[in-house]
Amino acid sequence: MFTCDKSKEATDICAVFRNPKNWRNEQVLEVDRGGRAIPSSGLPIHATTVVETILNLNAEHLVAARKAVIAAQLREIARVKAKHHGLSSSRKAKIAAVLCVQAESAEFASVLLMVADRLRE
């Protein structure tokens, strides 16, 4: 299996995507509840092709791994919810803050950020 850097090799994707170092938004990609990586709004229309074809970020094993992380996080949130007989706004904010800190060093950081965003909604 190849990582995205290996599969894109010397392909310059910045013309139809964005260089993350020059992107003003927090995230170039988002993860949906199904574990699929999707370009953030504001990226060129061909960004989806880059994600799917060149970077191969929605390879079956990557989507499955993201789904497993999502499921684990949702189970933990459900456990906390049951323990406290619900989730107050402040408890949701605390969980979201912890997820954001964990995302700084986690392998599937984008998944943790997605779950944190959902808690803030």
N, C-alpha and C. Protein backbone atom coordinates (compact mmCIF):
# COMPACT_ATOMS: atom_id res chain seq x y z
N MET A 1 0.84 -1.18 0.00
CA MET A 1 0.00 0.00 0.00
C MET A 1 0.89 1.24 0.00
N PHE A 2 0.42 2.28 -0.67
CA PHE A 2 1.16 3.51 -0.76
C PHE A 2 0.51 4.59 0.09
N THR A 3 1.32 5.48 0.61
CA THR A 3 0.79 6.66 1.26
C THR A 3 0.50 7.70 0.19
N CYS A 4 -0.16 8.76 0.58
CA CYS A 4 -0.50 9.77 -0.43
C CYS A 4 0.75 10.38 -1.04
N ASP A 5 1.80 10.59 -0.27
CA ASP A 5 3.02 11.15 -0.83
C ASP A 5 3.62 10.25 -1.89
N LYS A 6 3.57 8.95 -1.68
CA LYS A 6 4.14 8.00 -2.63
C LYS A 6 3.30 7.96 -3.90
N SER A 7 1.98 7.92 -3.76
CA SER A 7 1.13 7.80 -4.95
C SER A 7 1.16 9.05 -5.81
N LYS A 8 1.32 10.23 -5.21
CA LYS A 8 1.35 11.45 -6.02
C LYS A 8 2.73 11.69 -6.60
N GLU A 9 3.75 11.10 -5.98
CA GLU A 9 5.14 11.24 -6.40
C GLU A 9 5.46 12.69 -6.75
N ALA A 10 5.79 12.97 -7.97
CA ALA A 10 6.19 14.33 -8.38
C ALA A 10 5.04 15.12 -8.98
N THR A 11 3.80 14.62 -8.88
CA THR A 11 2.65 15.31 -9.45
C THR A 11 2.39 16.60 -8.68
N ASP A 12 2.32 17.72 -9.40
CA ASP A 12 2.02 19.00 -8.77
C ASP A 12 0.51 19.14 -8.71
N ILE A 13 -0.04 19.01 -7.52
CA ILE A 13 -1.49 19.07 -7.37
C ILE A 13 -1.99 20.45 -6.98
N CYS A 14 -1.10 21.38 -6.73
CA CYS A 14 -1.50 22.69 -6.21
C CYS A 14 -2.35 23.50 -7.19
N ALA A 15 -2.23 23.24 -8.47
CA ALA A 15 -3.02 23.98 -9.46
C ALA A 15 -4.51 23.64 -9.35
N VAL A 16 -4.84 22.40 -8.96
CA VAL A 16 -6.24 21.99 -8.86
C VAL A 16 -6.65 21.66 -7.43
N PHE A 17 -5.77 21.85 -6.51
CA PHE A 17 -6.06 21.61 -5.10
C PHE A 17 -5.66 22.88 -4.36
N ARG A 18 -4.95 22.79 -3.34
CA ARG A 18 -4.36 23.93 -2.63
C ARG A 18 -3.17 23.41 -1.86
N ASN A 19 -2.16 24.21 -1.75
CA ASN A 19 -1.04 23.86 -0.89
C ASN A 19 -1.51 24.13 0.54
N PRO A 20 -1.54 23.11 1.40
CA PRO A 20 -2.01 23.31 2.77
C PRO A 20 -1.26 24.41 3.51
N LYS A 21 -0.01 24.66 3.14
CA LYS A 21 0.77 25.70 3.81
C LYS A 21 0.25 27.10 3.47
N ASN A 22 -0.45 27.23 2.33
CA ASN A 22 -0.96 28.53 1.89
C ASN A 22 -2.48 28.64 2.03
N TRP A 23 -3.11 27.66 2.63
CA TRP A 23 -4.58 27.64 2.76
C TRP A 23 -4.94 28.38 4.03
N ARG A 24 -5.83 29.33 3.93
CA ARG A 24 -6.18 30.16 5.08
C ARG A 24 -7.15 29.46 6.04
N ASN A 25 -7.89 28.51 5.56
CA ASN A 25 -8.82 27.78 6.42
C ASN A 25 -8.05 26.81 7.31
N GLU A 26 -8.70 26.31 8.35
CA GLU A 26 -8.04 25.39 9.26
C GLU A 26 -7.73 24.06 8.59
N GLN A 27 -8.66 23.57 7.77
CA GLN A 27 -8.50 22.24 7.19
C GLN A 27 -8.65 22.28 5.68
N VAL A 28 -7.82 21.50 5.01
CA VAL A 28 -7.94 21.35 3.56
C VAL A 28 -8.95 20.24 3.27
N LEU A 29 -8.96 19.26 4.14
CA LEU A 29 -9.87 18.12 3.99
C LEU A 29 -10.73 17.98 5.23
N GLU A 30 -11.89 17.41 5.03
CA GLU A 30 -12.78 17.06 6.12
C GLU A 30 -13.06 15.57 6.01
N VAL A 31 -13.57 15.00 7.06
CA VAL A 31 -13.96 13.59 7.06
C VAL A 31 -15.45 13.54 7.34
N ASP A 32 -16.18 12.80 6.51
CA ASP A 32 -17.61 12.66 6.78
C ASP A 32 -17.83 11.51 7.76
N ARG A 33 -19.06 11.33 8.21
CA ARG A 33 -19.37 10.31 9.21
C ARG A 33 -19.10 8.91 8.71
N GLY A 34 -19.04 8.73 7.40
CA GLY A 34 -18.75 7.43 6.82
C GLY A 34 -17.26 7.15 6.69
N GLY A 35 -16.42 8.10 7.14
CA GLY A 35 -14.98 7.90 7.09
C GLY A 35 -14.31 8.34 5.81
N ARG A 36 -15.05 8.95 4.91
CA ARG A 36 -14.47 9.38 3.64
C ARG A 36 -13.88 10.78 3.77
N ALA A 37 -12.72 10.98 3.15
CA ALA A 37 -12.08 12.29 3.10
C ALA A 37 -12.71 13.09 1.97
N ILE A 38 -13.10 14.32 2.28
CA ILE A 38 -13.71 15.18 1.27
C ILE A 38 -13.03 16.55 1.33
N PRO A 39 -12.86 17.19 0.19
CA PRO A 39 -12.24 18.52 0.18
C PRO A 39 -13.11 19.53 0.92
N SER A 40 -12.48 20.43 1.64
CA SER A 40 -13.20 21.51 2.32
C SER A 40 -13.81 22.43 1.29
N SER A 41 -14.88 23.12 1.69
CA SER A 41 -15.51 24.04 0.75
C SER A 41 -14.53 25.15 0.41
N GLY A 42 -14.62 25.63 -0.81
CA GLY A 42 -13.72 26.67 -1.29
C GLY A 42 -12.59 26.17 -2.15
N LEU A 43 -12.39 24.85 -2.16
CA LEU A 43 -11.34 24.29 -3.01
C LEU A 43 -11.87 24.17 -4.45
N PRO A 44 -10.99 24.16 -5.42
CA PRO A 44 -11.43 24.02 -6.82
C PRO A 44 -12.22 22.73 -7.03
N ILE A 45 -13.05 22.72 -8.06
CA ILE A 45 -13.93 21.58 -8.35
C ILE A 45 -13.15 20.28 -8.56
N HIS A 46 -11.93 20.37 -9.06
CA HIS A 46 -11.14 19.17 -9.33
C HIS A 46 -10.44 18.62 -8.08
N ALA A 47 -10.66 19.26 -6.94
CA ALA A 47 -10.03 18.79 -5.70
C ALA A 47 -10.49 17.37 -5.35
N THR A 48 -11.73 17.06 -5.65
CA THR A 48 -12.23 15.71 -5.37
C THR A 48 -11.45 14.67 -6.17
N THR A 49 -11.14 14.98 -7.41
CA THR A 49 -10.35 14.06 -8.24
C THR A 49 -8.96 13.85 -7.63
N VAL A 50 -8.38 14.91 -7.11
CA VAL A 50 -7.07 14.79 -6.47
C VAL A 50 -7.16 13.87 -5.26
N VAL A 51 -8.18 14.08 -4.44
CA VAL A 51 -8.37 13.26 -3.23
C VAL A 51 -8.57 11.80 -3.59
N GLU A 52 -9.42 11.55 -4.58
CA GLU A 52 -9.79 10.18 -4.94
C GLU A 52 -8.71 9.46 -5.74
N THR A 53 -8.17 10.13 -6.74
CA THR A 53 -7.31 9.46 -7.71
C THR A 53 -5.82 9.61 -7.40
N ILE A 54 -5.39 10.82 -7.23
CA ILE A 54 -3.95 11.05 -7.05
C ILE A 54 -3.50 10.69 -5.64
N LEU A 55 -4.22 11.19 -4.64
CA LEU A 55 -3.84 10.92 -3.25
C LEU A 55 -4.38 9.60 -2.71
N ASN A 56 -5.45 9.12 -3.34
CA ASN A 56 -6.06 7.84 -2.94
C ASN A 56 -6.44 7.83 -1.45
N LEU A 57 -6.97 8.95 -0.98
CA LEU A 57 -7.29 9.07 0.43
C LEU A 57 -8.56 8.33 0.84
N ASN A 58 -9.32 7.86 -0.13
CA ASN A 58 -10.51 7.09 0.20
C ASN A 58 -10.35 5.62 -0.17
N ALA A 59 -9.11 5.17 -0.12
CA ALA A 59 -8.85 3.74 -0.31
C ALA A 59 -9.62 3.00 0.78
N GLU A 60 -10.07 1.82 0.45
CA GLU A 60 -10.93 1.05 1.36
C GLU A 60 -10.33 0.91 2.77
N HIS A 61 -9.04 0.62 2.86
CA HIS A 61 -8.44 0.43 4.18
C HIS A 61 -8.38 1.72 4.98
N LEU A 62 -8.24 2.87 4.32
CA LEU A 62 -8.22 4.14 5.03
C LEU A 62 -9.60 4.51 5.53
N VAL A 63 -10.61 4.31 4.69
CA VAL A 63 -11.99 4.59 5.11
C VAL A 63 -12.38 3.68 6.27
N ALA A 64 -12.02 2.41 6.19
CA ALA A 64 -12.33 1.47 7.27
C ALA A 64 -11.65 1.89 8.57
N ALA A 65 -10.41 2.32 8.49
CA ALA A 65 -9.69 2.76 9.69
C ALA A 65 -10.34 4.01 10.28
N ARG A 66 -10.72 4.95 9.43
CA ARG A 66 -11.38 6.16 9.93
C ARG A 66 -12.71 5.81 10.58
N LYS A 67 -13.46 4.91 9.96
CA LYS A 67 -14.75 4.50 10.53
C LYS A 67 -14.56 3.85 11.90
N ALA A 68 -13.51 3.08 12.06
CA ALA A 68 -13.24 2.44 13.35
C ALA A 68 -12.93 3.50 14.42
N VAL A 69 -12.17 4.52 14.05
CA VAL A 69 -11.85 5.59 15.00
C VAL A 69 -13.12 6.37 15.35
N ILE A 70 -13.94 6.66 14.35
CA ILE A 70 -15.21 7.35 14.59
C ILE A 70 -16.07 6.53 15.55
N ALA A 71 -16.21 5.25 15.28
CA ALA A 71 -17.03 4.38 16.13
C ALA A 71 -16.51 4.36 17.57
N ALA A 72 -15.20 4.29 17.74
CA ALA A 72 -14.61 4.28 19.08
C ALA A 72 -14.90 5.59 19.81
N GLN A 73 -14.76 6.69 19.10
CA GLN A 73 -15.02 7.99 19.72
C GLN A 73 -16.50 8.14 20.10
N LEU A 74 -17.38 7.69 19.21
CA LEU A 74 -18.81 7.78 19.50
C LEU A 74 -19.20 6.89 20.68
N ARG A 75 -18.56 5.72 20.81
CA ARG A 75 -18.82 4.86 21.96
C ARG A 75 -18.38 5.54 23.25
N GLU A 76 -17.22 6.18 23.21
CA GLU A 76 -16.72 6.88 24.40
C GLU A 76 -17.64 8.04 24.78
N ILE A 77 -18.11 8.77 23.79
CA ILE A 77 -19.03 9.88 24.05
C ILE A 77 -20.34 9.33 24.63
N ALA A 78 -20.82 8.23 24.10
CA ALA A 78 -22.05 7.61 24.62
C ALA A 78 -21.85 7.15 26.06
N ARG A 79 -20.66 6.64 26.38
CA ARG A 79 -20.36 6.21 27.75
C ARG A 79 -20.41 7.40 28.71
N VAL A 80 -19.79 8.50 28.30
CA VAL A 80 -19.80 9.71 29.13
C VAL A 80 -21.22 10.23 29.27
N LYS A 81 -21.96 10.20 28.19
CA LYS A 81 -23.36 10.67 28.21
C LYS A 81 -24.19 9.84 29.18
N ALA A 82 -24.04 8.52 29.15
CA ALA A 82 -24.79 7.64 30.05
C ALA A 82 -24.37 7.88 31.50
N LYS A 83 -23.08 8.05 31.73
CA LYS A 83 -22.56 8.25 33.08
C LYS A 83 -23.12 9.52 33.71
N HIS A 84 -23.26 10.57 32.89
CA HIS A 84 -23.70 11.87 33.39
C HIS A 84 -25.17 12.16 33.06
N HIS A 85 -25.88 11.16 32.60
CA HIS A 85 -27.31 11.31 32.25
C HIS A 85 -27.52 12.45 31.25
N GLY A 86 -26.67 12.50 30.26
CA GLY A 86 -26.78 13.50 29.21
C GLY A 86 -25.47 14.25 29.04
N LEU A 87 -25.44 15.09 28.05
CA LEU A 87 -24.25 15.90 27.79
C LEU A 87 -24.63 17.38 27.80
N SER A 88 -24.15 18.08 28.77
CA SER A 88 -24.38 19.52 28.82
C SER A 88 -23.51 20.19 27.76
N SER A 89 -23.81 21.43 27.49
CA SER A 89 -23.01 22.19 26.52
C SER A 89 -21.56 22.29 26.98
N SER A 90 -21.36 22.48 28.27
CA SER A 90 -19.99 22.61 28.77
C SER A 90 -19.25 21.28 28.69
N ARG A 91 -19.93 20.16 28.93
CA ARG A 91 -19.28 18.86 28.82
C ARG A 91 -18.93 18.56 27.36
N LYS A 92 -19.82 18.91 26.43
CA LYS A 92 -19.53 18.74 25.00
C LYS A 92 -18.30 19.57 24.61
N ALA A 93 -18.24 20.79 25.11
CA ALA A 93 -17.11 21.67 24.80
C ALA A 93 -15.81 21.09 25.36
N LYS A 94 -15.86 20.52 26.55
CA LYS A 94 -14.67 19.92 27.15
C LYS A 94 -14.20 18.71 26.34
N ILE A 95 -15.14 17.87 25.94
CA ILE A 95 -14.79 16.69 25.13
C ILE A 95 -14.19 17.14 23.80
N ALA A 96 -14.81 18.15 23.18
CA ALA A 96 -14.30 18.67 21.90
C ALA A 96 -12.89 19.22 22.07
N ALA A 97 -12.64 19.94 23.16
CA ALA A 97 -11.30 20.50 23.41
C ALA A 97 -10.27 19.39 23.57
N VAL A 98 -10.62 18.32 24.28
CA VAL A 98 -9.71 17.19 24.46
C VAL A 98 -9.41 16.55 23.11
N LEU A 99 -10.44 16.37 22.29
CA LEU A 99 -10.24 15.77 20.97
C LEU A 99 -9.30 16.62 20.11
N CYS A 100 -9.44 17.94 20.20
CA CYS A 100 -8.57 18.83 19.42
C CYS A 100 -7.12 18.72 19.88
N VAL A 101 -6.91 18.59 21.18
CA VAL A 101 -5.55 18.42 21.69
C VAL A 101 -4.99 17.08 21.22
N GLN A 102 -5.80 16.03 21.31
CA GLN A 102 -5.36 14.70 20.86
C GLN A 102 -5.04 14.71 19.38
N ALA A 103 -5.78 15.51 18.62
CA ALA A 103 -5.58 15.57 17.16
C ALA A 103 -4.20 16.11 16.79
N GLU A 104 -3.58 16.84 17.68
CA GLU A 104 -2.26 17.39 17.39
C GLU A 104 -1.21 16.31 17.18
N SER A 105 -1.45 15.11 17.73
CA SER A 105 -0.46 14.04 17.58
C SER A 105 -1.06 12.71 17.15
N ALA A 106 -2.35 12.68 16.89
CA ALA A 106 -3.02 11.43 16.53
C ALA A 106 -2.82 11.08 15.06
N GLU A 107 -2.83 9.78 14.79
CA GLU A 107 -2.68 9.33 13.40
C GLU A 107 -3.86 9.75 12.54
N PHE A 108 -5.06 9.66 13.06
CA PHE A 108 -6.25 10.04 12.30
C PHE A 108 -6.83 11.33 12.87
N ALA A 109 -6.00 12.37 12.87
CA ALA A 109 -6.38 13.65 13.46
C ALA A 109 -7.64 14.23 12.85
N SER A 110 -7.80 14.09 11.54
CA SER A 110 -8.97 14.66 10.88
C SER A 110 -10.26 14.06 11.39
N VAL A 111 -10.22 12.80 11.81
CA VAL A 111 -11.41 12.16 12.37
C VAL A 111 -11.74 12.77 13.72
N LEU A 112 -10.73 12.98 14.55
CA LEU A 112 -10.97 13.58 15.86
C LEU A 112 -11.52 15.00 15.71
N LEU A 113 -11.00 15.73 14.75
CA LEU A 113 -11.49 17.09 14.51
C LEU A 113 -12.94 17.08 14.03
N MET A 114 -13.29 16.09 13.21
CA MET A 114 -14.67 15.97 12.74
C MET A 114 -15.62 15.70 13.90
N VAL A 115 -15.23 14.78 14.79
CA VAL A 115 -16.08 14.47 15.94
C VAL A 115 -16.19 15.70 16.84
N ALA A 116 -15.10 16.41 17.04
CA ALA A 116 -15.12 17.64 17.86
C ALA A 116 -16.07 18.67 17.22
N ASP A 117 -16.00 18.83 15.92
CA ASP A 117 -16.90 19.77 15.23
C ASP A 117 -18.35 19.38 15.42
N ARG A 118 -18.66 18.10 15.35
CA ARG A 118 -20.04 17.63 15.53
C ARG A 118 -20.54 17.92 16.94
N LEU A 119 -19.65 17.82 17.91
CA LEU A 119 -20.04 18.11 19.30
C LEU A 119 -20.37 19.59 19.47
N ARG A 120 -19.72 20.43 18.70
CA ARG A 120 -19.94 21.88 18.81
C ARG A 120 -21.19 22.35 18.10
N GLU A 121 -21.77 21.50 17.28
CA GLU A 121 -22.96 21.90 16.50
C GLU A 121 -24.18 22.04 17.38
